C-alpha atoms as a PDB file:
ATOM      1  CA  UNK A   1     154.072 208.742 -56.471  1.00  0.00           C
ATOM      2  CA  UNK A   2     156.078 206.306 -58.625  1.00  0.00           C
ATOM      3  CA  UNK A   3     159.594 205.383 -57.500  1.00  0.00           C
ATOM      4  CA  UNK A   4     162.236 203.302 -59.230  1.00  0.00           C
ATOM      5  CA  UNK A   5     164.261 201.131 -56.900  1.00  0.00           C
ATOM      6  CA  UNK A   6     167.204 198.797 -57.323  1.00  0.00           C
ATOM      7  CA  UNK A   7     167.034 195.727 -55.066  1.00  0.00           C
ATOM      8  CA  UNK A   8     169.905 193.283 -54.613  1.00  0.00           C
ATOM      9  CA  UNK A   9     169.062 189.684 -53.670  1.00  0.00           C
ATOM     10  CA  UNK A  10     171.819 187.078 -53.344  1.00  0.00           C
ATOM     11  CA  UNK A  11     174.219 189.290 -55.284  1.00  0.00           C
ATOM     12  CA  UNK A  12     171.827 189.883 -58.211  1.00  0.00           C
ATOM     13  CA  UNK A  13     170.416 193.363 -58.816  1.00  0.00           C
ATOM     14  CA  UNK A  14     166.821 193.882 -59.884  1.00  0.00           C
ATOM     15  CA  UNK A  15     165.147 197.111 -60.984  1.00  0.00           C
ATOM     16  CA  UNK A  16     161.659 197.667 -59.600  1.00  0.00           C
ATOM     17  CA  UNK A  17     159.022 200.308 -60.158  1.00  0.00           C
ATOM     18  CA  UNK A  18     156.950 200.919 -57.043  1.00  0.00           C
ATOM     19  CA  UNK A  19     153.835 203.015 -56.647  1.00  0.00           C
ATOM     20  CA  UNK A  20     153.599 204.672 -53.236  1.00  0.00           C
ATOM     21  CA  UNK A  21     150.369 206.246 -51.974  1.00  0.00           C
ATOM     22  CA  UNK A  22     150.444 210.011 -51.553  1.00  0.00           C
ATOM     23  CA  UNK A  23     150.970 211.001 -47.919  1.00  0.00           C
ATOM     24  CA  UNK A  24     149.072 213.938 -46.469  1.00  0.00           C
ATOM     25  CA  UNK A  25     151.334 214.622 -43.498  1.00  0.00           C
ATOM     26  CA  UNK A  26     155.133 214.912 -43.454  1.00  0.00           C
ATOM     27  CA  UNK A  27     155.333 212.689 -40.323  1.00  0.00           C
ATOM     28  CA  UNK A  28     153.576 209.837 -42.123  1.00  0.00           C
ATOM     29  CA  UNK A  29     155.882 210.234 -45.127  1.00  0.00           C
ATOM     30  CA  UNK A  30     158.961 209.638 -42.995  1.00  0.00           C
ATOM     31  CA  UNK A  31     157.654 206.372 -41.490  1.00  0.00           C
ATOM     32  CA  UNK A  32     159.321 203.338 -43.067  1.00  0.00           C
ATOM     33  CA  UNK A  33     157.149 201.086 -45.177  1.00  0.00           C
ATOM     34  CA  UNK A  34     156.945 197.378 -44.303  1.00  0.00           C
ATOM     35  CA  UNK A  35     159.383 195.233 -46.284  1.00  0.00           C
ATOM     36  CA  UNK A  36     158.000 192.397 -48.390  1.00  0.00           C
ATOM     37  CA  UNK A  37     159.616 189.968 -50.790  1.00  0.00           C
ATOM     38  CA  UNK A  38     159.578 191.183 -54.393  1.00  0.00           C
ATOM     39  CA  UNK A  39     158.133 188.926 -57.082  1.00  0.00           C
ATOM     40  CA  UNK A  40     160.722 187.112 -59.198  1.00  0.00           C
ATOM     41  CA  UNK A  41     162.037 188.979 -62.262  1.00  0.00           C
ATOM     42  CA  UNK A  42     160.692 188.172 -65.669  1.00  0.00           C
ATOM     43  CA  UNK A  43     163.234 186.132 -67.673  1.00  0.00           C
ATOM     44  CA  UNK A  44     163.277 188.437 -70.697  1.00  0.00           C
ATOM     45  CA  UNK A  45     163.533 191.868 -69.125  1.00  0.00           C
ATOM     46  CA  UNK A  46     165.359 191.321 -65.854  1.00  0.00           C
ATOM     47  CA  UNK A  47     163.063 193.842 -64.169  1.00  0.00           C
ATOM     48  CA  UNK A  48     160.379 193.230 -61.622  1.00  0.00           C
ATOM     49  CA  UNK A  49     156.891 194.186 -62.858  1.00  0.00           C
ATOM     50  CA  UNK A  50     154.752 196.273 -60.502  1.00  0.00           C
ATOM     51  CA  UNK A  51     151.659 194.391 -59.376  1.00  0.00           C
ATOM     52  CA  UNK A  52     148.995 196.616 -57.859  1.00  0.00           C
ATOM     53  CA  UNK A  53     146.368 193.855 -57.760  1.00  0.00           C
ATOM     54  CA  UNK A  54     147.867 190.376 -58.101  1.00  0.00           C
ATOM     55  CA  UNK A  55     145.626 187.760 -59.647  1.00  0.00           C
ATOM     56  CA  UNK A  56     143.805 185.553 -57.129  1.00  0.00           C
ATOM     57  CA  UNK A  57     145.029 181.987 -56.755  1.00  0.00           C
ATOM     58  CA  UNK A  58     142.985 179.474 -58.724  1.00  0.00           C
ATOM     59  CA  UNK A  59     140.753 177.217 -56.653  1.00  0.00           C
ATOM     60  CA  UNK A  60     142.010 173.652 -56.221  1.00  0.00           C
ATOM     61  CA  UNK A  61     140.637 171.241 -58.775  1.00  0.00           C
ATOM     62  CA  UNK A  62     137.843 169.182 -57.174  1.00  0.00           C
ATOM     63  CA  UNK A  63     138.293 166.418 -59.780  1.00  0.00           C
ATOM     64  CA  UNK A  64     141.942 165.917 -58.833  1.00  0.00           C
ATOM     65  CA  UNK A  65     141.090 165.695 -55.139  1.00  0.00           C
ATOM     66  CA  UNK A  66     138.267 163.231 -55.800  1.00  0.00           C
ATOM     67  CA  UNK A  67     140.751 160.868 -57.463  1.00  0.00           C
ATOM     68  CA  UNK A  68     142.805 160.686 -54.254  1.00  0.00           C
ATOM     69  CA  UNK A  69     140.639 161.296 -51.181  1.00  0.00           C
ATOM     70  CA  UNK A  70     142.456 161.927 -47.940  1.00  0.00           C
ATOM     71  CA  UNK A  71     142.049 159.593 -45.021  1.00  0.00           C
ATOM     72  CA  UNK A  72     144.040 157.709 -42.413  1.00  0.00           C
ATOM     73  CA  UNK A  73     147.593 157.189 -43.610  1.00  0.00           C
ATOM     74  CA  UNK A  74     147.321 159.617 -46.511  1.00  0.00           C
ATOM     75  CA  UNK A  75     150.319 161.833 -47.221  1.00  0.00           C
ATOM     76  CA  UNK A  76     149.097 165.143 -48.690  1.00  0.00           C
ATOM     77  CA  UNK A  77     151.019 167.449 -50.989  1.00  0.00           C
ATOM     78  CA  UNK A  78     152.368 170.394 -48.971  1.00  0.00           C
ATOM     79  CA  UNK A  79     152.012 172.704 -51.990  1.00  0.00           C
ATOM     80  CA  UNK A  80     150.820 172.900 -55.578  1.00  0.00           C
ATOM     81  CA  UNK A  81     153.476 171.841 -58.045  1.00  0.00           C
ATOM     82  CA  UNK A  82     154.756 169.286 -60.553  1.00  0.00           C
ATOM     83  CA  UNK A  83     155.845 165.800 -59.497  1.00  0.00           C
ATOM     84  CA  UNK A  84     159.478 165.275 -60.536  1.00  0.00           C
ATOM     85  CA  UNK A  85     160.163 161.969 -58.756  1.00  0.00           C
ATOM     86  CA  UNK A  86     158.201 159.162 -57.120  1.00  0.00           C
ATOM     87  CA  UNK A  87     160.647 157.189 -54.980  1.00  0.00           C
ATOM     88  CA  UNK A  88     158.355 154.493 -53.517  1.00  0.00           C
ATOM     89  CA  UNK A  89     156.144 151.699 -54.909  1.00  0.00           C
ATOM     90  CA  UNK A  90     152.954 150.063 -53.689  1.00  0.00           C
ATOM     91  CA  UNK A  91     153.786 147.326 -51.189  1.00  0.00           C
ATOM     92  CA  UNK A  92     157.089 148.882 -50.121  1.00  0.00           C
ATOM     93  CA  UNK A  93     157.797 149.093 -46.382  1.00  0.00           C
ATOM     94  CA  UNK A  94     158.837 152.601 -45.299  1.00  0.00           C
ATOM     95  CA  UNK A  95     159.981 154.099 -42.020  1.00  0.00           C
ATOM     96  CA  UNK A  96     159.164 157.535 -40.673  1.00  0.00           C
ATOM     97  CA  UNK A  97     161.222 160.091 -42.618  1.00  0.00           C
ATOM     98  CA  UNK A  98     161.605 158.011 -45.805  1.00  0.00           C
ATOM     99  CA  UNK A  99     161.708 160.138 -48.974  1.00  0.00           C
ATOM    100  CA  UNK A 100     158.474 159.454 -50.891  1.00  0.00           C
ATOM    101  CA  UNK A 101     157.998 162.084 -53.602  1.00  0.00           C
ATOM    102  CA  UNK A 102     159.776 165.173 -54.971  1.00  0.00           C
ATOM    103  CA  UNK A 103     157.738 168.181 -56.107  1.00  0.00           C
ATOM    104  CA  UNK A 104     158.888 171.222 -58.068  1.00  0.00           C
ATOM    105  CA  UNK A 105     157.286 174.635 -57.710  1.00  0.00           C
ATOM    106  CA  UNK A 106     158.844 177.938 -58.764  1.00  0.00           C
ATOM    107  CA  UNK A 107     162.068 176.131 -59.769  1.00  0.00           C
ATOM    108  CA  UNK A 108     162.544 174.804 -56.238  1.00  0.00           C
ATOM    109  CA  UNK A 109     162.380 171.145 -55.198  1.00  0.00           C
ATOM    110  CA  UNK A 110     160.354 170.106 -52.174  1.00  0.00           C
ATOM    111  CA  UNK A 111     160.858 166.638 -50.742  1.00  0.00           C
ATOM    112  CA  UNK A 112     157.872 164.835 -49.209  1.00  0.00           C
ATOM    113  CA  UNK A 113     158.766 162.402 -46.434  1.00  0.00           C
ATOM    114  CA  UNK A 114     156.789 159.635 -44.724  1.00  0.00           C
ATOM    115  CA  UNK A 115     155.125 160.955 -41.548  1.00  0.00           C
ATOM    116  CA  UNK A 116     155.010 157.430 -40.083  1.00  0.00           C
ATOM    117  CA  UNK A 117     156.302 153.931 -40.665  1.00  0.00           C
ATOM    118  CA  UNK A 118     154.214 151.377 -42.543  1.00  0.00           C
ATOM    119  CA  UNK A 119     153.505 149.771 -45.894  1.00  0.00           C
ATOM    120  CA  UNK A 120     152.748 151.890 -48.983  1.00  0.00           C
ATOM    121  CA  UNK A 121     149.189 150.927 -49.958  1.00  0.00           C
ATOM    122  CA  UNK A 122     148.669 153.458 -52.762  1.00  0.00           C
ATOM    123  CA  UNK A 123     150.726 155.845 -54.895  1.00  0.00           C
ATOM    124  CA  UNK A 124     148.514 158.579 -56.365  1.00  0.00           C
ATOM    125  CA  UNK A 125     151.296 160.626 -57.971  1.00  0.00           C
ATOM    126  CA  UNK A 126     153.206 160.079 -61.168  1.00  0.00           C
ATOM    127  CA  UNK A 127     156.164 161.930 -62.624  1.00  0.00           C
ATOM    128  CA  UNK A 128     155.070 164.939 -64.672  1.00  0.00           C
ATOM    129  CA  UNK A 129     151.657 165.271 -63.027  1.00  0.00           C
ATOM    130  CA  UNK A 130     150.583 168.593 -61.549  1.00  0.00           C
ATOM    131  CA  UNK A 131     149.188 168.256 -58.033  1.00  0.00           C
ATOM    132  CA  UNK A 132     147.264 170.644 -55.804  1.00  0.00           C
ATOM    133  CA  UNK A 133     148.070 171.504 -52.219  1.00  0.00           C
ATOM    134  CA  UNK A 134     146.427 168.934 -49.954  1.00  0.00           C
ATOM    135  CA  UNK A 135     146.018 166.320 -52.682  1.00  0.00           C
ATOM    136  CA  UNK A 136     146.961 162.826 -51.476  1.00  0.00           C
ATOM    137  CA  UNK A 137     150.265 161.714 -52.998  1.00  0.00           C
ATOM    138  CA  UNK A 138     150.848 158.417 -51.161  1.00  0.00           C
ATOM    139  CA  UNK A 139     148.881 156.332 -48.671  1.00  0.00           C
ATOM    140  CA  UNK A 140     150.694 154.431 -45.932  1.00  0.00           C
ATOM    141  CA  UNK A 141     148.845 151.652 -44.114  1.00  0.00           C
END
């Protein structure tokens, strides 16, 4: 069965088309379905496309990880995204909690902070570069 729904998120309304499996018993039909976050609307239509089988996530690029192997003192990227700011330089002394890098993914900024105090021994990120989750951004010695 196909249903059209209107969902309101943060004051914005989105139209969604949802395909529900046919229920064989009336008791099962009355049970509420689990709630999940809808995908973001497409910019042109303003409606949320139905996704029966979303595409699998691409595997992380082994070449990118080879360029910045993880090890002691490495600060990995918490997610895949684009580097929008690199705040530190090689040789700079940092304390735990110092802002190192800013990443953008899905139009949201994520700040990467130093997990420990020390001296920056390597910066493996540059503004505009796309990084994978787990890729080393900065190394602190």
